[in-house]
C-alpha cells in the first residue's frame, strides 16, 4: 500500500537549483494527499519566492517524482502561497546552516 512517506521520499530528490538542497528539506513541500484508491496524489507546495524563475521546472520535477512511486497513476501539483515560506520555520537545520541563519 502506497504511503505519504513514500511519495515524500521520492520528491526529496528534487533539488532547488539556487540553494542546492532538497525542496523537502527546505520546507517547500506543504502537503501530500493520497486519493482514496491510492492511485492518485495531490501535492501542495510553495516556492521561496513568487517570482521564482524555476517554478515550471520544479513543478514538473515534483510531478515526475510523484508519478515515479510504484502504483501512482495520476499526480497533481499545486502552488500554495499561504503561509509564505519562512526558512526559520520551514527549513531543516542543514539548510539553515547553509543560509547562515543561526538565531532561531
N, C-alpha and C. Protein backbone atom coordinates (compact mmCIF):
# COMPACT_ATOMS: atom_id res chain seq x y z
N UNK A 1 0.84 -1.17 0.00
CA UNK A 1 0.00 0.00 0.00
C UNK A 1 0.89 1.25 0.00
N UNK A 2 0.61 2.19 -0.88
CA UNK A 2 1.38 3.43 -1.00
C UNK A 2 1.12 4.31 0.21
N UNK A 3 2.19 4.94 0.71
CA UNK A 3 2.06 5.85 1.84
C UNK A 3 2.51 7.25 1.45
N UNK A 4 2.09 8.22 2.23
CA UNK A 4 2.53 9.59 2.05
C UNK A 4 4.05 9.66 2.17
N UNK A 5 4.61 8.91 3.10
CA UNK A 5 6.07 8.92 3.30
C UNK A 5 6.82 8.48 2.05
N UNK A 6 6.29 7.49 1.34
CA UNK A 6 6.93 7.04 0.10
C UNK A 6 6.94 8.16 -0.95
N UNK A 7 5.85 8.87 -1.05
CA UNK A 7 5.77 9.97 -2.02
C UNK A 7 6.75 11.08 -1.62
N UNK A 8 6.77 11.41 -0.34
CA UNK A 8 7.68 12.46 0.14
C UNK A 8 9.13 12.06 -0.14
N UNK A 9 9.48 10.82 0.13
CA UNK A 9 10.86 10.38 -0.10
C UNK A 9 11.23 10.43 -1.57
N UNK A 10 10.28 10.14 -2.45
CA UNK A 10 10.55 10.24 -3.87
C UNK A 10 10.77 11.70 -4.28
N UNK A 11 9.95 12.59 -3.74
CA UNK A 11 10.07 14.01 -4.04
C UNK A 11 11.35 14.61 -3.45
N UNK A 12 11.87 14.01 -2.40
CA UNK A 12 13.09 14.50 -1.75
C UNK A 12 14.25 14.66 -2.75
N UNK A 13 14.21 13.92 -3.84
CA UNK A 13 15.30 14.01 -4.82
C UNK A 13 15.23 15.27 -5.68
N UNK A 14 14.15 16.05 -5.56
CA UNK A 14 14.04 17.30 -6.31
C UNK A 14 14.85 18.37 -5.57
N UNK A 15 15.83 18.91 -6.25
CA UNK A 15 16.77 19.85 -5.64
C UNK A 15 16.49 21.28 -6.12
N UNK A 16 16.45 22.20 -5.18
CA UNK A 16 16.32 23.61 -5.53
C UNK A 16 17.63 24.04 -6.20
N UNK A 17 17.57 24.55 -7.43
CA UNK A 17 18.80 24.85 -8.16
C UNK A 17 19.62 26.00 -7.57
N UNK A 18 18.99 26.91 -6.87
CA UNK A 18 19.72 28.04 -6.28
C UNK A 18 20.45 27.65 -5.00
N UNK A 19 19.78 26.91 -4.14
CA UNK A 19 20.36 26.59 -2.84
C UNK A 19 21.00 25.20 -2.79
N UNK A 20 20.68 24.34 -3.75
CA UNK A 20 21.30 23.03 -3.80
C UNK A 20 20.81 22.06 -2.74
N UNK A 21 19.63 22.30 -2.21
CA UNK A 21 19.04 21.41 -1.20
C UNK A 21 17.72 20.85 -1.72
N UNK A 22 17.33 19.73 -1.16
CA UNK A 22 16.04 19.13 -1.47
C UNK A 22 14.92 20.10 -1.11
N UNK A 23 13.90 20.16 -1.95
CA UNK A 23 12.77 21.02 -1.63
C UNK A 23 12.05 20.54 -0.37
N UNK A 24 12.18 19.25 -0.07
CA UNK A 24 11.59 18.72 1.17
C UNK A 24 12.34 19.28 2.36
N UNK A 25 13.68 19.25 2.34
CA UNK A 25 14.47 19.78 3.45
C UNK A 25 14.33 21.28 3.59
N UNK A 26 14.03 21.95 2.49
CA UNK A 26 13.83 23.40 2.54
C UNK A 26 12.46 23.76 3.11
N UNK A 27 11.58 22.79 3.18
CA UNK A 27 10.24 23.05 3.70
C UNK A 27 9.28 23.60 2.66
N UNK A 28 9.57 23.35 1.39
CA UNK A 28 8.70 23.84 0.33
C UNK A 28 7.52 22.91 0.07
N UNK A 29 7.62 21.70 0.52
CA UNK A 29 6.53 20.73 0.37
C UNK A 29 5.54 20.98 1.50
N UNK A 30 4.33 21.34 1.16
CA UNK A 30 3.34 21.69 2.17
C UNK A 30 2.42 20.52 2.55
N UNK A 31 1.98 19.75 1.55
CA UNK A 31 1.00 18.70 1.84
C UNK A 31 1.00 17.67 0.72
N UNK A 32 0.88 16.43 1.10
CA UNK A 32 0.74 15.33 0.14
C UNK A 32 -0.56 14.61 0.51
N UNK A 33 -1.47 14.56 -0.45
CA UNK A 33 -2.77 13.95 -0.20
C UNK A 33 -2.96 12.79 -1.17
N UNK A 34 -3.11 11.60 -0.63
CA UNK A 34 -3.35 10.42 -1.46
C UNK A 34 -4.84 10.27 -1.72
N UNK A 35 -5.16 9.86 -2.94
CA UNK A 35 -6.55 9.55 -3.27
C UNK A 35 -7.00 8.34 -2.46
N UNK A 36 -8.28 8.20 -2.30
CA UNK A 36 -8.80 7.07 -1.52
C UNK A 36 -8.35 5.73 -2.09
N UNK A 37 -8.26 5.66 -3.43
CA UNK A 37 -7.83 4.40 -4.05
C UNK A 37 -6.30 4.26 -4.07
N UNK A 38 -5.61 5.28 -3.60
CA UNK A 38 -4.14 5.32 -3.51
C UNK A 38 -3.45 5.20 -4.87
N UNK A 39 -4.17 5.56 -5.93
CA UNK A 39 -3.57 5.56 -7.27
C UNK A 39 -3.29 6.97 -7.75
N UNK A 40 -3.75 7.95 -7.00
CA UNK A 40 -3.54 9.34 -7.34
C UNK A 40 -3.02 10.10 -6.15
N UNK A 41 -2.37 11.23 -6.43
CA UNK A 41 -1.82 12.04 -5.36
C UNK A 41 -1.92 13.51 -5.74
N UNK A 42 -2.20 14.33 -4.74
CA UNK A 42 -2.14 15.78 -4.92
C UNK A 42 -1.03 16.30 -4.01
N UNK A 43 -0.16 17.10 -4.59
CA UNK A 43 0.95 17.68 -3.85
C UNK A 43 0.77 19.19 -3.82
N UNK A 44 0.74 19.74 -2.63
CA UNK A 44 0.72 21.19 -2.46
C UNK A 44 2.12 21.61 -2.05
N UNK A 45 2.65 22.59 -2.77
CA UNK A 45 3.99 23.06 -2.46
C UNK A 45 4.04 24.57 -2.62
N UNK A 46 5.09 25.16 -2.10
CA UNK A 46 5.32 26.58 -2.26
C UNK A 46 6.71 26.77 -2.84
N UNK A 47 7.08 28.01 -3.03
CA UNK A 47 8.40 28.35 -3.53
C UNK A 47 9.02 29.38 -2.61
N UNK A 48 10.31 29.60 -2.77
CA UNK A 48 10.97 30.59 -1.93
C UNK A 48 10.49 32.00 -2.26
N UNK A 49 10.01 32.19 -3.49
CA UNK A 49 9.54 33.49 -3.95
C UNK A 49 8.51 33.30 -5.05
N UNK A 50 7.47 34.14 -5.08
CA UNK A 50 6.51 34.05 -6.19
C UNK A 50 7.15 34.33 -7.55
N UNK A 51 8.28 35.00 -7.55
CA UNK A 51 8.97 35.33 -8.80
C UNK A 51 10.02 34.29 -9.19
N UNK A 52 9.98 33.13 -8.59
CA UNK A 52 10.98 32.09 -8.86
C UNK A 52 10.97 31.73 -10.35
N UNK A 53 12.09 31.94 -11.04
CA UNK A 53 12.13 31.64 -12.46
C UNK A 53 12.13 30.14 -12.77
N UNK A 54 12.41 29.33 -11.77
CA UNK A 54 12.47 27.88 -11.97
C UNK A 54 11.16 27.18 -11.63
N UNK A 55 10.11 27.94 -11.35
CA UNK A 55 8.84 27.36 -10.92
C UNK A 55 8.34 26.26 -11.86
N UNK A 56 8.26 26.49 -13.17
CA UNK A 56 7.74 25.42 -14.04
C UNK A 56 8.57 24.14 -13.96
N UNK A 57 9.88 24.28 -13.90
CA UNK A 57 10.75 23.10 -13.84
C UNK A 57 10.59 22.36 -12.51
N UNK A 58 10.48 23.12 -11.42
CA UNK A 58 10.30 22.48 -10.11
C UNK A 58 8.96 21.75 -10.02
N UNK A 59 7.90 22.38 -10.52
CA UNK A 59 6.58 21.74 -10.50
C UNK A 59 6.59 20.46 -11.33
N UNK A 60 7.21 20.52 -12.50
CA UNK A 60 7.29 19.34 -13.37
C UNK A 60 8.11 18.23 -12.70
N UNK A 61 9.20 18.60 -12.04
CA UNK A 61 10.04 17.60 -11.38
C UNK A 61 9.30 16.94 -10.22
N UNK A 62 8.54 17.72 -9.47
CA UNK A 62 7.76 17.15 -8.36
C UNK A 62 6.71 16.19 -8.90
N UNK A 63 6.04 16.57 -9.96
CA UNK A 63 5.04 15.68 -10.56
C UNK A 63 5.70 14.39 -11.04
N UNK A 64 6.83 14.52 -11.71
CA UNK A 64 7.55 13.34 -12.21
C UNK A 64 7.94 12.41 -11.06
N UNK A 65 8.43 12.96 -9.97
CA UNK A 65 8.86 12.13 -8.83
C UNK A 65 7.65 11.49 -8.15
N UNK A 66 6.53 12.19 -8.09
CA UNK A 66 5.32 11.60 -7.51
C UNK A 66 4.85 10.43 -8.37
N UNK A 67 4.90 10.62 -9.69
CA UNK A 67 4.48 9.54 -10.60
C UNK A 67 5.47 8.38 -10.62
N UNK A 68 6.68 8.61 -10.14
CA UNK A 68 7.68 7.54 -10.10
C UNK A 68 7.41 6.53 -8.98
N UNK A 69 6.55 6.88 -8.04
CA UNK A 69 6.21 5.95 -6.97
C UNK A 69 5.35 4.84 -7.56
N UNK A 70 5.80 3.61 -7.37
CA UNK A 70 5.09 2.48 -7.94
C UNK A 70 3.65 2.46 -7.46
N UNK A 71 2.71 2.43 -8.41
CA UNK A 71 1.29 2.39 -8.08
C UNK A 71 0.58 3.73 -8.27
N UNK A 72 1.33 4.82 -8.29
CA UNK A 72 0.72 6.13 -8.52
C UNK A 72 0.51 6.29 -10.03
N UNK A 73 -0.73 6.55 -10.40
CA UNK A 73 -1.08 6.70 -11.82
C UNK A 73 -1.37 8.14 -12.21
N UNK A 74 -1.76 8.95 -11.25
CA UNK A 74 -2.08 10.35 -11.50
C UNK A 74 -1.47 11.21 -10.42
N UNK A 75 -0.95 12.37 -10.83
CA UNK A 75 -0.38 13.31 -9.86
C UNK A 75 -0.74 14.73 -10.26
N UNK A 76 -1.12 15.50 -9.28
CA UNK A 76 -1.41 16.92 -9.47
C UNK A 76 -0.51 17.68 -8.51
N UNK A 77 0.10 18.73 -9.00
CA UNK A 77 0.95 19.57 -8.16
C UNK A 77 0.38 20.98 -8.20
N UNK A 78 0.12 21.53 -7.02
CA UNK A 78 -0.45 22.87 -6.92
C UNK A 78 0.47 23.77 -6.10
N UNK A 79 0.58 25.01 -6.53
CA UNK A 79 1.33 26.00 -5.76
C UNK A 79 0.40 26.64 -4.74
N UNK A 80 0.89 26.75 -3.52
CA UNK A 80 0.15 27.44 -2.47
C UNK A 80 1.07 28.52 -1.90
N UNK A 81 0.49 29.63 -1.52
CA UNK A 81 1.29 30.76 -1.04
C UNK A 81 1.02 31.10 0.41
N UNK A 82 0.11 30.39 1.02
CA UNK A 82 -0.20 30.66 2.42
C UNK A 82 -0.02 29.38 3.21
N UNK A 83 0.82 29.38 4.21
CA UNK A 83 1.64 30.51 4.65
C UNK A 83 2.85 30.69 3.73
N UNK A 84 3.38 31.92 3.67
CA UNK A 84 4.57 32.13 2.86
C UNK A 84 5.76 31.35 3.44
N UNK A 85 6.68 30.99 2.56
CA UNK A 85 7.86 30.25 3.00
C UNK A 85 8.70 31.10 3.94
N UNK A 86 9.05 30.53 5.05
CA UNK A 86 9.92 31.18 6.03
C UNK A 86 10.95 30.14 6.45
N UNK A 87 12.20 30.29 6.02
CA UNK A 87 13.18 29.26 6.34
C UNK A 87 13.34 29.03 7.84
N UNK A 88 13.12 30.05 8.64
CA UNK A 88 13.25 29.89 10.10
C UNK A 88 12.23 28.90 10.66
N UNK A 89 11.10 28.80 9.99
CA UNK A 89 10.03 27.89 10.43
C UNK A 89 10.00 26.58 9.64
N UNK A 90 10.42 26.64 8.37
CA UNK A 90 10.19 25.52 7.47
C UNK A 90 11.41 24.67 7.15
N UNK A 91 12.58 25.25 7.16
CA UNK A 91 13.78 24.56 6.67
C UNK A 91 14.43 23.69 7.74
N UNK A 92 15.16 22.69 7.26
CA UNK A 92 15.91 21.81 8.16
C UNK A 92 17.12 22.55 8.73
N UNK A 93 17.72 21.99 9.76
CA UNK A 93 18.91 22.60 10.37
C UNK A 93 20.04 22.75 9.36
N UNK A 94 20.23 21.76 8.50
CA UNK A 94 21.29 21.83 7.50
C UNK A 94 21.08 23.00 6.54
N UNK A 95 19.84 23.20 6.11
CA UNK A 95 19.53 24.31 5.22
C UNK A 95 19.77 25.63 5.95
N UNK A 96 19.32 25.72 7.19
CA UNK A 96 19.53 26.94 7.97
C UNK A 96 21.01 27.26 8.11
N UNK A 97 21.82 26.24 8.38
CA UNK A 97 23.27 26.44 8.48
C UNK A 97 23.84 26.99 7.19
N UNK A 98 23.44 26.41 6.07
CA UNK A 98 23.94 26.87 4.77
C UNK A 98 23.49 28.28 4.44
N UNK A 99 22.32 28.66 4.93
CA UNK A 99 21.81 30.01 4.71
C UNK A 99 22.39 31.02 5.71
N UNK A 100 23.11 30.50 6.70
CA UNK A 100 23.70 31.39 7.71
C UNK A 100 22.69 31.89 8.72
N UNK A 101 21.63 31.12 8.92
CA UNK A 101 20.60 31.50 9.89
C UNK A 101 20.84 30.71 11.16
N UNK A 102 21.28 31.40 12.17
CA UNK A 102 21.64 30.72 13.43
C UNK A 102 20.83 31.24 14.61
N UNK A 103 20.01 32.23 14.41
CA UNK A 103 19.34 32.91 15.53
C UNK A 103 17.92 32.44 15.78
N UNK A 104 17.72 31.16 15.78
CA UNK A 104 16.37 30.64 15.98
C UNK A 104 16.10 30.48 17.46
